[in-house]
Amino acid sequence: MYTYKTVPAPKILGVKNEKDTDSAIRGFSGIINAESAEGWEFYSMETITTQVPQGCLSMSAPKTTTYNMLVFRKENR
């Protein structure tokens, strides 16, 4: 059996040019390595979407936001 932990991942990887793409993506390895040092194993990257009603009368469309999260797991001993 495992215990699972989620960590927010960057929503948008901002880059100045194509060359910066690699370094932006490598930022994920920093998060994964930090959690790994604490004994957590990277398991997956998932997306979750939330909807919040807009306005006090909720007549406008709800605001939808998408989040990325990194999922880690640790075996229970």
C-alpha atoms as a PDB file:
ATOM      1  CA  MET A   1       0.000   0.000   0.000  1.00  0.00           C
ATOM      2  CA  TYR A   2       1.142   3.560  -0.743  1.00  0.00           C
ATOM      3  CA  THR A   3       0.635   7.045   0.625  1.00  0.00           C
ATOM      4  CA  TYR A   4       0.195   9.659  -2.108  1.00  0.00           C
ATOM      5  CA  LYS A   5       1.144  13.329  -2.166  1.00  0.00           C
ATOM      6  CA  THR A   6       0.381  16.010  -4.753  1.00  0.00           C
ATOM      7  CA  VAL A   7       2.531  19.048  -5.493  1.00  0.00           C
ATOM      8  CA  PRO A   8       1.400  21.953  -7.696  1.00  0.00           C
ATOM      9  CA  ALA A   9       3.230  22.116 -11.007  1.00  0.00           C
ATOM     10  CA  PRO A  10       3.762  25.346 -12.944  1.00  0.00           C
ATOM     11  CA  LYS A  11       0.608  26.330 -14.865  1.00  0.00           C
ATOM     12  CA  ILE A  12       2.507  28.019 -17.676  1.00  0.00           C
ATOM     13  CA  LEU A  13       6.132  27.589 -18.662  1.00  0.00           C
ATOM     14  CA  GLY A  14       7.114  31.066 -19.825  1.00  0.00           C
ATOM     15  CA  VAL A  15      10.031  31.147 -22.233  1.00  0.00           C
ATOM     16  CA  LYS A  16      11.673  33.970 -24.165  1.00  0.00           C
ATOM     17  CA  ASN A  17      12.620  31.814 -27.135  1.00  0.00           C
ATOM     18  CA  GLU A  18      12.853  28.219 -28.313  1.00  0.00           C
ATOM     19  CA  LYS A  19      16.243  27.731 -26.604  1.00  0.00           C
ATOM     20  CA  ASP A  20      14.696  28.474 -23.197  1.00  0.00           C
ATOM     21  CA  THR A  21      12.180  25.645 -23.575  1.00  0.00           C
ATOM     22  CA  ASP A  22      14.639  22.981 -22.406  1.00  0.00           C
ATOM     23  CA  SER A  23      15.600  24.876 -19.253  1.00  0.00           C
ATOM     24  CA  ALA A  24      11.939  25.575 -18.427  1.00  0.00           C
ATOM     25  CA  ILE A  25      11.091  21.894 -18.748  1.00  0.00           C
ATOM     26  CA  ARG A  26      14.115  20.989 -16.592  1.00  0.00           C
ATOM     27  CA  GLY A  27      12.450  22.945 -13.779  1.00  0.00           C
ATOM     28  CA  PHE A  28      10.194  19.950 -13.305  1.00  0.00           C
ATOM     29  CA  SER A  29      13.207  17.775 -12.541  1.00  0.00           C
ATOM     30  CA  GLY A  30      14.122  20.145  -9.699  1.00  0.00           C
ATOM     31  CA  ILE A  31      10.714  19.590  -8.106  1.00  0.00           C
ATOM     32  CA  ILE A  32      10.896  15.828  -8.675  1.00  0.00           C
ATOM     33  CA  ASN A  33      14.441  15.578  -7.291  1.00  0.00           C
ATOM     34  CA  ALA A  34      13.541  17.599  -4.171  1.00  0.00           C
ATOM     35  CA  GLU A  35      10.623  15.275  -3.397  1.00  0.00           C
ATOM     36  CA  SER A  36      12.735  12.225  -4.184  1.00  0.00           C
ATOM     37  CA  ALA A  37      15.323  13.364  -1.620  1.00  0.00           C
ATOM     38  CA  GLU A  38      12.511  13.203   0.955  1.00  0.00           C
ATOM     39  CA  GLY A  39      11.736   9.591   0.000  1.00  0.00           C
ATOM     40  CA  TRP A  40       8.854  10.267  -2.422  1.00  0.00           C
ATOM     41  CA  GLU A  41       8.716   8.443  -5.761  1.00  0.00           C
ATOM     42  CA  PHE A  42       7.380  10.369  -8.779  1.00  0.00           C
ATOM     43  CA  TYR A  43       4.192   8.631  -9.898  1.00  0.00           C
ATOM     44  CA  SER A  44       2.456  10.831 -12.504  1.00  0.00           C
ATOM     45  CA  MET A  45       1.440  14.297 -13.647  1.00  0.00           C
ATOM     46  CA  GLU A  46      -2.289  14.966 -13.541  1.00  0.00           C
ATOM     47  CA  THR A  47      -4.643  17.814 -14.416  1.00  0.00           C
ATOM     48  CA  ILE A  48      -7.574  19.007 -12.351  1.00  0.00           C
ATOM     49  CA  THR A  49     -10.151  21.591 -13.441  1.00  0.00           C
ATOM     50  CA  THR A  50     -12.212  23.759 -11.096  1.00  0.00           C
ATOM     51  CA  GLN A  51     -15.297  25.888 -11.774  1.00  0.00           C
ATOM     52  CA  VAL A  52     -16.285  28.853  -9.608  1.00  0.00           C
ATOM     53  CA  PRO A  53     -19.611  30.670 -10.089  1.00  0.00           C
ATOM     54  CA  GLN A  54     -19.247  34.308 -11.171  1.00  0.00           C
ATOM     55  CA  GLY A  55     -21.166  37.186  -9.625  1.00  0.00           C
ATOM     56  CA  CYS A  56     -23.593  37.197  -6.735  1.00  0.00           C
ATOM     57  CA  LEU A  57     -26.523  36.031  -8.872  1.00  0.00           C
ATOM     58  CA  SER A  58     -24.435  33.445 -10.766  1.00  0.00           C
ATOM     59  CA  MET A  59     -25.888  34.527 -14.120  1.00  0.00           C
ATOM     60  CA  SER A  60     -22.549  34.625 -15.913  1.00  0.00           C
ATOM     61  CA  ALA A  61     -20.623  31.563 -16.961  1.00  0.00           C
ATOM     62  CA  PRO A  62     -18.526  30.009 -14.206  1.00  0.00           C
ATOM     63  CA  LYS A  63     -14.792  30.713 -14.199  1.00  0.00           C
ATOM     64  CA  THR A  64     -12.911  27.570 -15.191  1.00  0.00           C
ATOM     65  CA  THR A  65      -9.290  27.100 -14.140  1.00  0.00           C
ATOM     66  CA  THR A  66      -7.013  24.162 -14.933  1.00  0.00           C
ATOM     67  CA  TYR A  67      -4.189  23.120 -12.618  1.00  0.00           C
ATOM     68  CA  ASN A  68      -1.337  20.690 -13.146  1.00  0.00           C
ATOM     69  CA  MET A  69      -0.084  18.607 -10.270  1.00  0.00           C
ATOM     70  CA  LEU A  70       2.759  16.185  -9.796  1.00  0.00           C
ATOM     71  CA  VAL A  71       1.781  13.020  -7.941  1.00  0.00           C
ATOM     72  CA  PHE A  72       4.298  11.260  -5.714  1.00  0.00           C
ATOM     73  CA  ARG A  73       3.968   8.108  -3.679  1.00  0.00           C
ATOM     74  CA  LYS A  74       5.731   6.479  -0.769  1.00  0.00           C
ATOM     75  CA  GLU A  75       5.357   2.852   0.232  1.00  0.00           C
ATOM     76  CA  ASN A  76       3.852   2.302   3.673  1.00  0.00           C
ATOM     77  CA  ARG A  77       6.078   0.109   5.840  1.00  0.00           C
END
